[in-house]
Protein backbone atom coordinates (compact mmCIF):
# COMPACT_ATOMS: atom_id res chain seq x y z
CA UNK A 1 0.02 -0.10 -0.02
CA UNK A 2 1.28 3.41 -0.96
CA UNK A 3 2.01 5.79 2.00
CA UNK A 4 0.86 9.44 2.19
CA UNK A 5 1.76 11.75 5.07
CA UNK A 6 -0.29 14.94 5.35
CA UNK A 7 0.89 18.09 7.26
CA UNK A 8 -2.56 19.74 8.13
CA UNK A 9 -5.78 17.40 8.32
CA UNK A 10 -8.24 20.19 7.97
CA UNK A 11 -10.44 21.06 4.95
CA UNK A 12 -7.79 20.78 2.32
CA UNK A 13 -5.74 17.94 3.52
CA UNK A 14 -8.54 16.16 5.14
CA UNK A 15 -10.67 16.20 1.89
CA UNK A 16 -7.98 14.78 -0.18
CA UNK A 17 -7.71 11.93 2.45
CA UNK A 18 -11.42 11.33 2.18
CA UNK A 19 -11.42 11.52 -1.56
CA UNK A 20 -8.42 8.95 -1.81
CA UNK A 21 -10.40 6.60 0.44
CA UNK A 22 -13.61 7.08 -1.26
CA UNK A 23 -11.93 6.30 -4.62
CA UNK A 24 -10.29 3.21 -3.16
CA UNK A 25 -6.83 4.49 -4.41
CA UNK A 26 -4.93 2.33 -2.03
CA UNK A 27 -3.36 4.89 0.20
CA UNK A 28 -2.40 4.45 3.80
CA UNK A 29 -2.68 8.11 5.16
CA UNK A 30 -0.83 9.34 8.26
CA UNK A 31 -1.67 12.80 9.58
CA UNK A 32 0.72 15.05 11.35
CA UNK A 33 0.31 18.54 12.64
CA UNK A 34 0.71 21.12 15.47
CA UNK A 35 -2.73 20.49 16.81
CA UNK A 36 -3.15 17.35 18.78
CA UNK A 37 -6.87 17.71 19.02
CA UNK A 38 -7.25 17.94 15.18
CA UNK A 39 -5.30 14.91 14.63
CA UNK A 40 -7.45 13.06 17.07
CA UNK A 41 -10.65 14.47 15.48
CA UNK A 42 -9.38 13.37 12.00
CA UNK A 43 -8.60 9.82 13.39
CA UNK A 44 -12.12 9.45 14.98
CA UNK A 45 -13.78 10.79 11.78
CA UNK A 46 -11.96 8.12 9.71
CA UNK A 47 -10.04 10.74 7.72
CA UNK A 48 -6.62 9.38 8.39
CA UNK A 49 -5.32 5.89 9.37
CA UNK A 50 -2.78 7.00 11.91
CA UNK A 51 -1.48 10.01 13.59
CA UNK A 52 2.16 11.11 14.27
CA UNK A 53 3.97 13.60 16.26
CA UNK A 54 7.66 12.78 15.43
CA UNK A 55 8.82 13.95 12.08
CA UNK A 56 11.65 11.58 11.73
CA UNK A 57 9.79 8.50 12.21
CA UNK A 58 6.76 9.79 10.22
CA UNK A 59 8.68 10.40 7.11
CA UNK A 60 10.19 6.98 7.06
CA UNK A 61 9.02 4.91 4.30
CA UNK A 62 6.71 7.51 2.98
CA UNK A 63 5.99 7.82 -0.84
CA UNK A 64 4.33 11.24 -0.90
CA UNK A 65 4.16 14.09 1.55
CA UNK A 66 1.46 16.76 1.27
CA UNK A 67 1.88 20.05 3.03
CA UNK A 68 -1.70 21.37 3.37
CA UNK A 69 -1.09 24.10 5.88
CA UNK A 70 -1.13 28.10 5.63
CA UNK A 71 1.74 29.17 3.35
CA UNK A 72 3.65 30.83 6.21
CA UNK A 73 4.16 27.34 7.80
CA UNK A 74 5.51 25.81 4.60
CA UNK A 75 9.26 26.84 4.90
CA UNK A 76 9.41 25.44 8.50
CA UNK A 77 8.01 22.21 7.47
CA UNK A 78 10.24 21.92 4.56
CA UNK A 79 13.42 22.63 6.82
CA UNK A 80 12.10 19.88 9.32
CA UNK A 81 11.66 17.11 6.72
CA UNK A 82 14.68 17.81 4.62
CA UNK A 83 17.18 15.57 6.80
CA UNK A 84 14.70 12.72 6.75
CA UNK A 85 13.69 12.56 3.22
CA UNK A 86 14.25 9.20 1.53
CA UNK A 87 15.30 8.66 -2.23
CA UNK A 88 11.87 7.77 -3.32
CA UNK A 89 9.76 10.47 -1.29
CA UNK A 90 8.03 12.87 -3.27
CA UNK A 91 6.94 16.15 -1.61
CA UNK A 92 4.02 18.41 -2.82
CA UNK A 93 1.91 21.19 -1.23
CA UNK A 94 -1.58 22.85 -1.44
CA UNK A 95 -0.54 26.53 -0.92
CA UNK A 96 -2.30 29.45 -2.72
CA UNK A 97 0.92 30.99 -4.02
CA UNK A 98 3.57 28.99 -5.85
CA UNK A 99 6.67 31.26 -6.88
CA UNK A 100 7.62 31.77 -3.13
CA UNK A 101 7.06 28.06 -2.16
CA UNK A 102 9.10 26.89 -5.16
CA UNK A 103 12.08 29.14 -4.11
CA UNK A 104 11.81 27.86 -0.37
CA UNK A 105 11.70 24.38 -1.59
CA UNK A 106 14.88 24.91 -3.69
CA UNK A 107 16.79 26.53 -0.74
CA UNK A 108 15.67 24.15 1.86
CA UNK A 109 15.44 20.65 0.22
CA UNK A 110 18.58 21.01 -1.69
CA UNK A 111 18.79 18.07 -4.29
CA UNK A 112 15.54 16.73 -3.10
CA UNK A 113 13.92 19.82 -4.54
CA UNK A 114 13.70 18.09 -7.86
CA UNK A 115 10.89 15.64 -6.28
CA UNK A 116 9.10 18.82 -4.94
CA UNK A 117 5.78 19.40 -6.92
CA UNK A 118 4.10 22.71 -6.21
CA UNK A 119 0.48 22.39 -6.35
CA UNK A 120 -2.86 24.38 -5.55
CA UNK A 121 -6.33 22.76 -5.39
CA UNK A 122 -8.84 25.34 -6.38
CA UNK A 123 -11.34 24.40 -3.98
CA UNK A 124 -12.33 25.60 -0.50
CA UNK A 125 -14.80 26.81 1.87
CA UNK A 126 -15.18 29.33 4.97
CA UNK A 127 -15.29 26.46 7.25
CA UNK A 128 -12.01 24.80 8.55
CA UNK A 129 -10.85 21.81 10.55
CA UNK A 130 -11.23 18.07 9.98
CA UNK A 131 -15.10 18.34 10.35
CA UNK A 132 -15.16 20.40 7.22
CA UNK A 133 -13.57 17.92 5.04
CA UNK A 134 -15.53 16.52 2.21
CA UNK A 135 -14.78 13.50 -0.01
CA UNK A 136 -16.29 15.32 -3.00
CA UNK A 137 -14.47 18.72 -2.47
CA UNK A 138 -12.30 18.35 -5.54
CA UNK A 139 -14.66 16.62 -7.94
CA UNK A 140 -14.45 18.39 -11.28
CA UNK A 141 -12.44 21.15 -9.52
CA UNK A 142 -9.03 22.43 -11.12
CA UNK A 143 -5.89 21.59 -9.28
CA UNK A 144 -3.05 23.62 -10.60
CA UNK A 145 0.58 22.13 -10.69
CA UNK A 146 3.52 24.49 -11.31
CA UNK A 147 6.51 22.23 -11.77
CA UNK A 148 10.07 23.80 -12.11
CA UNK A 149 12.40 23.29 -15.16
CA UNK A 150 14.20 20.48 -13.24
CA UNK A 151 11.16 18.76 -11.54
CA UNK A 152 11.49 14.87 -11.79
CA UNK A 153 8.85 13.68 -14.40
CA UNK A 154 7.98 10.73 -12.55
CA UNK A 155 7.19 12.84 -9.39
CA UNK A 156 5.04 15.20 -11.35
CA UNK A 157 3.01 12.25 -12.79
CA UNK A 158 2.65 10.79 -9.33
CA UNK A 159 1.24 13.95 -7.89
CA UNK A 160 -0.97 14.45 -10.95
CA UNK A 161 -2.33 10.80 -10.66
CA UNK A 162 -3.05 11.29 -6.91
CA UNK A 163 -5.21 14.31 -7.66
CA UNK A 164 -6.85 12.76 -10.69
CA UNK A 165 -7.92 10.02 -8.37
CA UNK A 166 -9.83 12.60 -6.45
CA UNK A 167 -11.88 13.63 -9.52
CA UNK A 168 -10.03 16.82 -10.02
CA UNK A 169 -8.94 18.31 -13.37
CA UNK A 170 -5.30 19.12 -13.71
CA UNK A 171 -3.88 22.19 -15.09
CA UNK A 172 -0.11 22.89 -15.39
CA UNK A 173 1.34 26.13 -15.64
CA UNK A 174 4.51 28.30 -14.39
CA UNK A 175 4.40 29.57 -10.75
CA UNK A 176 4.57 33.17 -11.90
CA UNK A 177 1.59 32.81 -14.23
CA UNK A 178 -0.32 31.13 -11.52
CA UNK A 179 0.50 33.89 -9.01
CA UNK A 180 -0.51 36.64 -11.30
CA UNK A 181 -3.90 34.93 -12.11
CA UNK A 182 -4.91 34.14 -8.66
CA UNK A 183 -3.86 37.69 -7.43
CA UNK A 184 -6.55 38.88 -9.76
CA UNK A 185 -9.31 36.30 -9.25
CA UNK A 186 -8.88 35.16 -5.66
CA UNK A 187 -6.64 37.23 -3.47
CA UNK A 188 -7.75 40.67 -4.60
CA UNK A 189 -11.37 39.86 -4.03
CA UNK A 190 -10.63 38.62 -0.46
CA UNK A 191 -8.84 41.90 0.29
CA UNK A 192 -11.69 43.89 -0.94
CA UNK A 193 -14.22 41.95 1.06
CA UNK A 194 -12.11 42.27 4.20
CA UNK A 195 -11.54 45.92 3.76
CA UNK A 196 -15.23 46.72 3.18
CA UNK A 197 -16.33 44.83 6.32
CA UNK A 198 -13.34 46.27 8.42
CA UNK A 199 -14.23 49.72 7.34
CA UNK A 200 -17.87 49.23 8.28
CA UNK A 201 -17.30 47.55 11.61
CA UNK A 202 -15.01 50.46 12.82
CA UNK A 203 -17.74 53.11 12.41
CA UNK A 204 -19.24 54.36 15.51
CA UNK A 205 -22.77 53.47 14.22
CA UNK A 206 -21.63 50.17 12.61
CA UNK A 207 -24.49 48.21 14.20
CA UNK A 208 -26.92 50.17 12.22
CA UNK A 209 -25.44 49.52 8.93
CA UNK A 210 -25.27 45.71 9.68
CA UNK A 211 -28.73 45.89 10.65
CA UNK A 212 -29.95 46.88 7.21
CA UNK A 213 -27.30 44.90 5.12
CA UNK A 214 -29.03 42.41 3.09
CA UNK A 215 -28.43 39.78 0.22
CA UNK A 216 -26.24 41.97 -1.82
CA UNK A 217 -23.89 42.66 1.11
CA UNK A 218 -23.82 38.94 2.23
CA UNK A 219 -23.05 37.75 -1.32
CA UNK A 220 -20.18 40.50 -1.80
CA UNK A 221 -18.70 39.79 1.72
CA UNK A 222 -19.09 36.20 2.21
CA UNK A 223 -15.33 35.46 1.73
CA UNK A 224 -14.64 38.03 4.50
CA UNK A 225 -15.55 35.17 6.83
CA UNK A 226 -12.44 33.21 5.85
CA UNK A 227 -9.38 32.44 7.95
CA UNK A 228 -7.65 35.69 8.84
CA UNK A 229 -4.42 33.78 9.40
CA UNK A 230 -4.52 32.07 5.98
CA UNK A 231 -5.39 35.20 4.17
CA UNK A 232 -2.79 37.22 5.99
CA UNK A 233 -0.03 34.74 4.95
CA UNK A 234 -1.34 34.38 1.49
CA UNK A 235 -1.38 38.29 0.82
CA UNK A 236 2.26 38.69 2.13
CA UNK A 237 3.38 35.69 0.16
CA UNK A 238 1.89 37.08 -3.12
CA UNK A 239 2.53 40.59 -2.28
CA UNK A 240 4.33 41.68 -5.60
CA UNK A 241 1.52 40.30 -7.82
CA UNK A 242 -1.17 41.52 -5.39
CA UNK A 243 0.09 45.14 -5.26
CA UNK A 244 0.05 45.23 -9.05
CA UNK A 245 -3.64 44.08 -9.05
CA UNK A 246 -4.50 46.70 -6.23
CA UNK A 247 -2.97 49.50 -8.59
CA UNK A 248 -5.06 48.32 -11.52
CA UNK A 249 -8.28 48.13 -9.30
CA UNK A 250 -7.48 51.66 -7.79
CA UNK A 251 -7.22 53.06 -11.35
CA UNK A 252 -10.65 51.44 -12.22
CA UNK A 253 -12.04 53.05 -9.08
CA UNK A 254 -10.72 56.42 -9.92
CA UNK A 255 -12.34 56.23 -13.46
CA UNK A 256 -15.66 55.20 -11.89
CA UNK A 257 -15.33 57.96 -9.24
CA UNK A 258 -14.68 60.53 -11.99
CA UNK A 259 -17.64 59.29 -14.05
CA UNK A 260 -19.92 59.55 -11.01
CA UNK A 261 -18.52 62.87 -10.09
CA UNK A 262 -19.30 64.31 -13.29
CA UNK A 263 -22.73 62.58 -13.59
CA UNK A 264 -21.55 60.92 -16.79
CA UNK A 265 -24.30 58.41 -17.28
CA UNK A 266 -23.21 56.95 -20.61
CA UNK A 267 -19.66 56.10 -19.04
CA UNK A 268 -21.32 54.56 -16.07
CA UNK A 269 -23.54 52.61 -18.01
CA UNK A 270 -20.75 51.48 -20.25
CA UNK A 271 -18.67 50.23 -17.30
CA UNK A 272 -21.81 48.55 -15.89
CA UNK A 273 -22.76 46.83 -19.23
CA UNK A 274 -19.29 45.57 -19.81
CA UNK A 275 -19.02 43.92 -16.22
CA UNK A 276 -22.46 42.45 -16.42
CA UNK A 277 -21.80 40.89 -19.78
CA UNK A 278 -18.53 39.45 -18.74
CA UNK A 279 -19.88 38.22 -15.34
CA UNK A 280 -22.91 36.52 -17.03
CA UNK A 281 -20.81 34.98 -19.67
CA UNK A 282 -18.47 33.48 -17.19
CA UNK A 283 -21.47 32.52 -14.72
CA UNK A 284 -23.16 30.69 -17.79
CA UNK A 285 -19.82 28.94 -18.69
CA UNK A 286 -19.49 27.61 -15.31
CA UNK A 287 -23.23 26.34 -15.22
CA UNK A 288 -22.64 24.60 -18.55
CA UNK A 289 -19.48 23.07 -17.39
CA UNK A 290 -21.12 21.61 -14.18
CA UNK A 291 -24.11 20.38 -16.27
CA UNK A 292 -21.92 18.34 -18.62
CA UNK A 293 -20.02 16.97 -15.69
């Protein structure tokens, strides 16, 4: 039986474990992490087959290591596992940024970095912890892999097959392309939602605004309920690309403000029509893809 060691048995790592079990993919899964209560919960829920606390013994004989923790924890884990990696062991991650993680792996794993496959499953929820894990989380969802020029092809294929067995779709691109894309479509929206809710929450009459907030506010700010720790780490890790996206968004806001200040109805309508058409086209494509699958 193949052996998988998972750092972080919450939503992401736990869902992968459940998906592999559901698929009968033949993996023995050990969980390891900083929270003993989470490990015991994952054991009791049948998410993992065993729990470990000692890294040296846990890494022994392992085929694949998945690091499914907040991105700020990844360097420390890489540093701790490096002395214990065996010749066949493949390492991958599930972090939301890739360029920084690839650089960290190269620096901390040395020659073993060729068996490191950076990955990012594009799936999630506002809930966290083992109880949030779902066997179906990755079905028909994209998983992005960002191999380096010297990544071992066999390691890449092993990780690709692991994710395919969960029902996921695999996309391969460069780390820089990944980070630029997700700064725009994931990281920036989270910053905007956090910023709006934070601004309202710090008003003297905040309770009045929240009392009258309805479905539009709920839909726009849903992601502001996500893990503050995780999104702090993601924002800092993808700082360069995110700053570029913030500049573009601020320019768009300035244009919108100028149109509003000048009561320029045609300009406002043009902006709204372009956005509405693009959003509806995307939503219809998503619906069609889900229907076909």
